[in-house]
Amino acid sequence: MIRVLIVEDSATVRQFLREALTAADGFEIVGEATDGAAAVSMCRDLRPDVVTMDVGLPVMSGLAATEQIMAVQPTPILVVSSADRRELFTTYDALAAGAVDVLEKPRGDASDDTWGQRLRTTARIVSRIRVVTRRRSGPVAPAPEPAPGGATARAVVIGASTGGPGAIVRVLRGLPAGFPIPLLYVQHLAANETFAQAFTGWLAEQTGHAVTYARGGEALPALGGRVVMAPPDLHLYVRDGHLRLSAGPARHSCRPAVDTLFESVATELGRAAVGCLLTGMGRDGAAGLLAMRRAGAVTYAQDEASSVVYGMPKEAVLLGAAAEVLPPEQIAERLTGLTQAGRPLEEGIGWRARS
């Protein structure tokens, strides 16, 4: 049985959640909280397998409750949110704080016919995720000094899934304004257009960097200073110096897939690229990061202590795809070095030490 704590201040929505979860075998409602403070207390006492979390709560917000739960009693949290733009920004704040997925609340239209099944499916997946206590990162280790020669980076590519919103914020906040190297980013997100459009705005607001979705056809050299994301339900890749989009088959049940971007960059740019694989469930991106490293690119994977889910980066580490395994802040420190004059890349291992 999957033990669920429902956190929702609306009696109508609570009933909808309760009925949807118990409409099939395998779920037990262990408690219902109507404010964030009660949610924190009940989560500590009841130790549920998954929490459904509303973000607009009295007494203590759903965001604050998520932060406290992840700090003292890490539990997989599924945010159940409305599509209101203001609430969506708070929803992504909750994802950055450690919530692992989001589902739109019932709309009151025909889509509600399948909503209960989507809730049960998502709750089952979320309940299996092993989340970790949020820890503060240690001091940033200095990058080795570079030596002359080598290739300069033409693109930084980053992939993430569960826990990605928080990790990418930490990376981008560590980069200088106007970071001149194009940064291409694949984040596994639901294909809901409203949620997707809100994500780019939220990420730009959180980090101060320009964030857009790829349109296809953009010349890579013209994208310096921008974060360009794979659109929902489309693969992003690089060919002939331009961004391309594809509605091809999903990989690892994902579209967009991190592997699609990473493998194209390995072929197109070789050692003139940097790859970063962040927190996420599954193995998408691990093989692509290995292809990049074999092509001479510098490669990083997020470490276990800072990952919400140590799945994708762990698979990369096991394959030997990551030259360094670091928390997001230290990845940002390494990337910042790319903007400094005379810091070329060394094939496969990162910065060359000065002899």
Protein backbone atom coordinates (compact mmCIF):
# COMPACT_ATOMS: atom_id res chain seq x y z
CA MET A 1 0.00 0.00 0.00
CA ILE A 2 1.17 3.52 -0.84
CA ARG A 3 0.50 5.71 2.18
CA VAL A 4 -0.56 9.23 1.17
CA LEU A 5 -0.82 12.46 3.14
CA ILE A 6 -3.18 14.94 1.43
CA VAL A 7 -2.37 18.62 2.04
CA GLU A 8 -5.14 20.87 0.70
CA ASP A 9 -7.24 23.62 2.27
CA SER A 10 -10.20 23.26 -0.12
CA ALA A 11 -12.68 20.64 1.12
CA THR A 12 -13.88 20.10 -2.47
CA VAL A 13 -10.40 19.42 -3.83
CA ARG A 14 -9.55 17.23 -0.81
CA GLN A 15 -12.59 15.10 -1.56
CA PHE A 16 -11.59 14.90 -5.23
CA LEU A 17 -8.08 13.76 -4.27
CA ARG A 18 -9.38 11.27 -1.72
CA GLU A 19 -11.88 9.70 -4.11
CA ALA A 20 -9.41 9.61 -7.00
CA LEU A 21 -6.71 7.88 -4.95
CA THR A 22 -9.00 5.32 -3.35
CA ALA A 23 -10.80 4.49 -6.61
CA ALA A 24 -8.17 1.80 -7.20
CA ASP A 25 -6.38 -0.63 -4.93
CA GLY A 26 -2.95 0.22 -3.61
CA PHE A 27 -3.47 3.56 -1.84
CA GLU A 28 -4.16 4.41 1.78
CA ILE A 29 -4.95 7.96 2.93
CA VAL A 30 -3.11 8.25 6.24
CA GLY A 31 -4.01 11.88 6.92
CA GLU A 32 -5.33 15.17 5.60
CA ALA A 33 -3.85 18.57 6.46
CA THR A 34 -5.47 21.92 5.70
CA ASP A 35 -2.46 24.16 6.37
CA GLY A 36 1.29 23.97 5.96
CA ALA A 37 2.14 23.80 9.65
CA ALA A 38 -0.13 20.79 10.13
CA ALA A 39 1.42 19.20 7.04
CA VAL A 40 4.92 19.39 8.52
CA SER A 41 3.77 17.94 11.83
CA MET A 42 1.71 15.14 10.25
CA CYS A 43 4.49 14.23 7.85
CA ARG A 44 6.87 13.85 10.77
CA ASP A 45 4.42 11.77 12.80
CA LEU A 46 2.79 9.68 10.08
CA ARG A 47 5.79 9.15 7.76
CA PRO A 48 3.76 8.83 4.54
CA ASP A 49 5.19 7.43 1.30
CA VAL A 50 4.07 10.49 -0.67
CA VAL A 51 2.57 13.90 0.06
CA THR A 52 0.18 15.72 -2.29
CA MET A 53 0.88 19.39 -1.63
CA ASP A 54 -1.17 22.48 -2.43
CA VAL A 55 1.01 25.59 -2.55
CA GLY A 56 -1.63 28.16 -1.56
CA LEU A 57 -2.20 27.28 2.11
CA PRO A 58 -3.05 29.25 5.27
CA VAL A 59 -0.84 29.49 8.40
CA MET A 60 2.21 28.22 6.50
CA SER A 61 2.46 28.18 2.72
CA GLY A 62 2.95 24.99 0.74
CA LEU A 63 6.37 26.29 -0.28
CA ALA A 64 7.46 26.78 3.34
CA ALA A 65 6.01 23.40 4.27
CA THR A 66 7.94 21.74 1.44
CA GLU A 67 11.17 23.37 2.59
CA GLN A 68 10.66 22.19 6.17
CA ILE A 69 9.64 18.66 5.21
CA MET A 70 12.69 18.28 2.97
CA ALA A 71 14.94 19.56 5.73
CA VAL A 72 13.66 17.42 8.62
CA GLN A 73 11.68 14.48 7.17
CA PRO A 74 12.52 14.07 3.46
CA THR A 75 9.45 12.69 1.72
CA PRO A 76 8.47 12.53 -1.95
CA ILE A 77 6.18 15.52 -2.55
CA LEU A 78 3.77 15.82 -5.48
CA VAL A 79 2.61 19.42 -5.90
CA VAL A 80 -1.02 19.62 -7.02
CA SER A 81 -1.37 23.16 -8.37
CA SER A 82 -3.68 25.33 -10.41
CA ALA A 83 -2.57 26.76 -13.75
CA ASP A 84 -2.76 30.34 -12.46
CA ARG A 85 0.52 32.03 -13.45
CA ARG A 86 1.22 33.41 -9.96
CA GLU A 87 0.62 30.00 -8.38
CA LEU A 88 2.74 28.33 -11.05
CA PHE A 89 5.75 30.44 -10.06
CA THR A 90 5.26 29.29 -6.46
CA THR A 91 4.93 25.74 -7.74
CA TYR A 92 8.37 25.95 -9.34
CA ASP A 93 9.71 27.45 -6.12
CA ALA A 94 8.44 24.30 -4.40
CA LEU A 95 10.13 22.11 -7.02
CA ALA A 96 13.35 24.02 -6.41
CA ALA A 97 12.89 23.37 -2.68
CA GLY A 98 12.75 19.62 -3.21
CA ALA A 99 9.25 18.63 -4.41
CA VAL A 100 9.68 16.02 -7.12
CA ASP A 101 6.75 16.50 -9.51
CA VAL A 102 3.70 18.61 -10.26
CA LEU A 103 0.17 17.86 -11.43
CA GLU A 104 -2.42 20.43 -12.44
CA LYS A 105 -5.57 20.52 -10.34
CA PRO A 106 -8.84 19.35 -11.92
CA ARG A 107 -10.13 21.94 -14.39
CA GLY A 108 -13.82 21.17 -14.17
CA ASP A 109 -14.00 20.09 -17.82
CA ALA A 110 -13.75 16.89 -19.86
CA SER A 111 -10.07 16.47 -18.92
CA ASP A 112 -11.22 15.58 -15.41
CA ASP A 113 -12.41 12.20 -16.73
CA THR A 114 -8.82 10.95 -16.83
CA TRP A 115 -7.43 13.08 -14.01
CA GLY A 116 -7.83 10.44 -11.32
CA GLN A 117 -5.85 7.91 -13.31
CA ARG A 118 -3.11 10.48 -13.96
CA LEU A 119 -2.98 11.27 -10.24
CA ARG A 120 -2.65 7.60 -9.27
CA THR A 121 0.01 6.94 -11.90
CA THR A 122 2.04 9.98 -10.88
CA ALA A 123 1.68 9.22 -7.16
CA ARG A 124 2.94 5.66 -7.72
CA ILE A 125 6.01 6.94 -9.56
CA VAL A 126 6.70 9.69 -7.02
CA SER A 127 6.37 7.29 -4.07
CA ARG A 128 9.28 5.21 -5.41
CA ILE A 129 11.70 8.14 -5.56
CA ARG A 130 14.38 8.14 -2.89
CA VAL A 131 14.74 11.74 -1.78
CA VAL A 132 17.54 13.08 0.38
CA THR A 133 17.84 15.69 3.09
CA ARG A 134 18.84 19.06 1.71
CA ARG A 135 22.42 19.83 2.75
CA ARG A 136 24.47 22.94 2.36
CA SER A 137 27.34 22.62 -0.07
CA GLY A 138 30.88 22.91 1.21
CA PRO A 139 33.40 25.49 0.04
CA VAL A 140 34.06 25.60 -3.68
CA ALA A 141 37.24 23.79 -4.65
CA PRO A 142 39.50 25.85 -6.94
CA ALA A 143 39.80 24.70 -10.52
CA PRO A 144 43.30 23.63 -11.63
CA GLU A 145 45.23 26.25 -13.54
CA PRO A 146 45.06 25.99 -17.35
CA ALA A 147 47.90 25.57 -19.78
CA PRO A 148 48.14 27.15 -23.25
CA GLY A 149 46.54 25.42 -26.20
CA GLY A 150 43.43 23.25 -26.40
CA ALA A 151 39.91 24.03 -27.59
CA THR A 152 37.59 26.75 -26.31
CA ALA A 153 33.98 25.86 -25.57
CA ARG A 154 31.35 26.63 -28.20
CA ALA A 155 28.45 25.36 -26.08
CA VAL A 156 27.55 24.15 -22.60
CA VAL A 157 24.84 21.49 -22.53
CA ILE A 158 22.93 20.55 -19.39
CA GLY A 159 20.37 17.84 -18.72
CA ALA A 160 18.13 17.24 -15.71
CA SER A 161 14.96 15.56 -14.57
CA THR A 162 13.52 15.22 -11.05
CA GLY A 163 14.97 17.97 -8.89
CA GLY A 164 16.27 19.80 -11.95
CA PRO A 165 14.55 23.16 -11.35
CA GLY A 166 16.41 23.67 -8.09
CA ALA A 167 19.72 22.40 -9.45
CA ILE A 168 19.70 24.55 -12.58
CA VAL A 169 18.88 27.65 -10.52
CA ARG A 170 21.95 26.98 -8.39
CA VAL A 171 24.13 26.56 -11.48
CA LEU A 172 22.84 29.67 -13.25
CA ARG A 173 23.05 31.87 -10.16
CA GLY A 174 26.75 31.01 -10.00
CA LEU A 175 27.41 32.20 -13.56
CA PRO A 176 28.28 35.82 -14.34
CA ALA A 177 25.75 38.04 -16.09
CA GLY A 178 26.18 37.82 -19.83
CA PHE A 179 27.89 34.42 -19.67
CA PRO A 180 28.99 34.41 -23.32
CA ILE A 181 28.83 30.71 -24.17
CA PRO A 182 25.48 29.32 -25.38
CA LEU A 183 23.86 27.14 -22.74
CA LEU A 184 21.48 24.45 -24.04
CA TYR A 185 19.24 22.82 -21.45
CA VAL A 186 16.99 19.76 -21.46
CA GLN A 187 14.62 19.47 -18.50
CA HIS A 188 12.08 16.66 -18.27
CA LEU A 189 8.79 18.49 -17.79
CA ALA A 190 5.15 17.61 -18.35
CA ALA A 191 4.06 18.64 -21.84
CA ASN A 192 1.36 20.93 -20.39
CA GLU A 193 1.81 24.20 -22.31
CA THR A 194 0.79 26.47 -19.43
CA PHE A 195 3.24 24.85 -17.02
CA ALA A 196 6.01 24.88 -19.63
CA GLN A 197 5.65 28.54 -20.53
CA ALA A 198 5.67 29.50 -16.87
CA PHE A 199 8.92 27.60 -16.33
CA THR A 200 11.05 29.79 -18.62
CA GLY A 201 9.68 32.95 -17.00
CA TRP A 202 10.27 31.57 -13.52
CA LEU A 203 13.82 30.49 -14.34
CA ALA A 204 14.67 33.88 -15.83
CA GLU A 205 13.25 35.65 -12.77
CA GLN A 206 15.17 33.39 -10.38
CA THR A 207 18.55 33.71 -12.10
CA GLY A 208 18.68 36.96 -14.05
CA HIS A 209 19.65 35.10 -17.24
CA ALA A 210 17.71 35.24 -20.51
CA VAL A 211 15.79 31.96 -20.86
CA THR A 212 13.86 30.92 -23.96
CA TYR A 213 12.61 27.79 -25.67
CA ALA A 214 14.36 26.75 -28.87
CA ARG A 215 12.42 27.46 -32.06
CA GLY A 216 14.68 25.43 -34.35
CA GLY A 217 17.08 26.87 -36.91
CA GLU A 218 18.97 29.24 -34.59
CA ALA A 219 22.68 29.55 -35.35
CA LEU A 220 24.69 28.39 -32.34
CA PRO A 221 27.19 31.31 -32.36
CA ALA A 222 24.31 33.80 -32.07
CA LEU A 223 23.07 32.30 -28.80
CA GLY A 224 25.81 33.54 -26.46
CA GLY A 225 24.43 34.95 -23.21
CA ARG A 226 21.24 32.91 -23.43
CA VAL A 227 19.83 29.75 -21.88
CA VAL A 228 17.93 27.88 -24.59
CA MET A 229 15.66 25.03 -23.53
CA ALA A 230 14.24 22.05 -25.37
CA PRO A 231 10.50 22.74 -25.87
CA PRO A 232 7.97 20.41 -24.25
CA ASP A 233 7.57 17.11 -26.12
CA LEU A 234 10.32 17.87 -28.68
CA HIS A 235 13.90 16.65 -28.86
CA LEU A 236 16.60 19.32 -29.14
CA TYR A 237 19.85 18.63 -30.98
CA VAL A 238 22.64 20.42 -32.86
CA ARG A 239 23.47 19.87 -36.52
CA ASP A 240 25.53 21.96 -38.95
CA GLY A 241 26.01 24.67 -36.34
CA HIS A 242 22.27 25.21 -35.81
CA LEU A 243 19.66 24.08 -33.30
CA ARG A 244 17.22 21.47 -34.55
CA LEU A 245 13.96 20.11 -33.13
CA SER A 246 12.44 16.69 -33.63
CA ALA A 247 9.21 14.92 -32.71
CA GLY A 248 10.96 11.56 -33.09
CA PRO A 249 10.38 8.61 -30.78
CA ALA A 250 10.90 9.07 -27.04
CA ARG A 251 14.10 7.74 -25.51
CA HIS A 252 14.05 6.29 -22.02
CA SER A 253 10.34 7.22 -22.15
CA CYS A 254 11.43 10.87 -22.45
CA ARG A 255 10.88 13.54 -25.10
CA PRO A 256 12.86 15.73 -24.95
CA ALA A 257 15.71 13.36 -24.12
CA VAL A 258 19.05 14.48 -22.72
CA ASP A 259 20.85 11.76 -24.66
CA THR A 260 19.61 13.18 -27.97
CA LEU A 261 21.18 16.57 -27.26
CA PHE A 262 24.40 15.23 -25.73
CA GLU A 263 25.07 12.74 -28.52
CA SER A 264 24.53 15.39 -31.20
CA VAL A 265 26.93 17.74 -29.44
CA ALA A 266 29.53 14.98 -29.13
CA THR A 267 29.37 14.52 -32.92
CA GLU A 268 29.04 18.19 -33.85
CA LEU A 269 31.39 19.92 -31.40
CA GLY A 270 33.63 17.22 -29.97
CA ARG A 271 36.06 18.67 -27.46
CA ALA A 272 34.73 22.21 -27.97
CA ALA A 273 31.81 21.53 -25.60
CA VAL A 274 31.03 21.02 -21.94
CA GLY A 275 28.37 18.60 -20.66
CA CYS A 276 26.65 18.63 -17.27
CA LEU A 277 24.23 15.97 -16.02
CA LEU A 278 22.15 16.99 -13.01
CA THR A 279 19.74 15.28 -10.63
CA GLY A 280 17.06 13.02 -12.04
CA MET A 281 15.44 9.60 -12.01
CA GLY A 282 16.47 7.00 -14.58
CA ARG A 283 19.48 6.93 -16.88
CA ASP A 284 18.74 9.49 -19.61
CA GLY A 285 21.87 11.49 -20.40
CA ALA A 286 24.42 9.01 -19.04
CA ALA A 287 25.27 7.44 -22.40
CA GLY A 288 25.26 10.85 -24.07
CA LEU A 289 27.65 12.26 -21.47
CA LEU A 290 29.94 9.30 -22.08
CA ALA A 291 29.84 10.01 -25.82
CA MET A 292 30.83 13.61 -25.08
CA ARG A 293 33.73 12.58 -22.89
CA ARG A 294 34.97 10.12 -25.49
CA ALA A 295 34.81 12.93 -28.04
CA GLY A 296 37.06 15.04 -25.81
CA ALA A 297 34.48 17.27 -24.12
CA VAL A 298 34.73 18.31 -20.48
CA THR A 299 32.02 16.52 -18.48
CA TYR A 300 30.45 16.98 -15.04
CA ALA A 301 27.84 15.10 -13.02
CA GLN A 302 26.02 16.34 -9.95
CA ASP A 303 27.03 14.68 -6.69
CA GLU A 304 24.74 12.50 -4.58
CA ALA A 305 24.62 14.80 -1.54
CA SER A 306 23.12 17.69 -3.50
CA SER A 307 20.82 15.64 -5.77
CA VAL A 308 17.11 15.25 -5.07
CA VAL A 309 17.29 11.94 -6.94
CA TYR A 310 20.72 10.42 -7.58
CA GLY A 311 19.71 8.43 -10.65
CA MET A 312 20.88 9.99 -13.93
CA PRO A 313 24.16 11.36 -12.57
CA LYS A 314 24.88 8.07 -10.78
CA GLU A 315 24.47 6.17 -14.04
CA ALA A 316 26.91 8.58 -15.68
CA VAL A 317 29.43 8.08 -12.89
CA LEU A 318 29.14 4.29 -13.16
CA LEU A 319 29.85 4.53 -16.90
CA GLY A 320 32.91 6.70 -16.33
CA ALA A 321 31.22 9.54 -18.22
CA ALA A 322 31.91 12.31 -15.70
CA ALA A 323 35.35 13.87 -15.38
CA GLU A 324 34.26 15.50 -12.11
CA VAL A 325 31.35 14.90 -9.71
CA LEU A 326 30.35 18.15 -8.03
CA PRO A 327 27.46 20.07 -6.45
CA PRO A 328 25.79 22.71 -8.66
CA GLU A 329 27.71 25.64 -7.16
CA GLN A 330 31.05 24.05 -8.00
CA ILE A 331 29.86 23.18 -11.49
CA ALA A 332 29.07 26.89 -11.90
CA GLU A 333 32.58 27.72 -10.67
CA ARG A 334 34.07 25.49 -13.34
CA LEU A 335 31.84 26.97 -16.05
CA THR A 336 32.69 30.51 -14.99
CA GLY A 337 36.33 29.69 -15.74
CA LEU A 338 35.36 29.26 -19.39
CA THR A 339 34.79 33.01 -19.69
CA GLN A 340 38.26 33.88 -18.47
CA ALA A 341 40.92 34.54 -21.08
CA GLY A 342 43.37 31.77 -21.66
CA ARG A 343 41.34 28.97 -20.11
CA PRO A 344 41.24 26.32 -22.86
CA LEU A 345 39.74 22.87 -22.46
CA GLU A 346 41.71 19.68 -22.12
CA GLU A 347 40.38 16.60 -23.82
CA GLY A 348 38.38 14.38 -21.51
CA ILE A 349 39.67 15.52 -18.12
CA GLY A 350 38.94 19.22 -17.59
CA TRP A 351 41.51 21.92 -16.98
CA ARG A 352 45.13 21.04 -17.51
CA ALA A 353 47.38 21.69 -14.54
CA ARG A 354 50.20 24.19 -15.06
CA SER A 355 53.52 22.39 -14.85
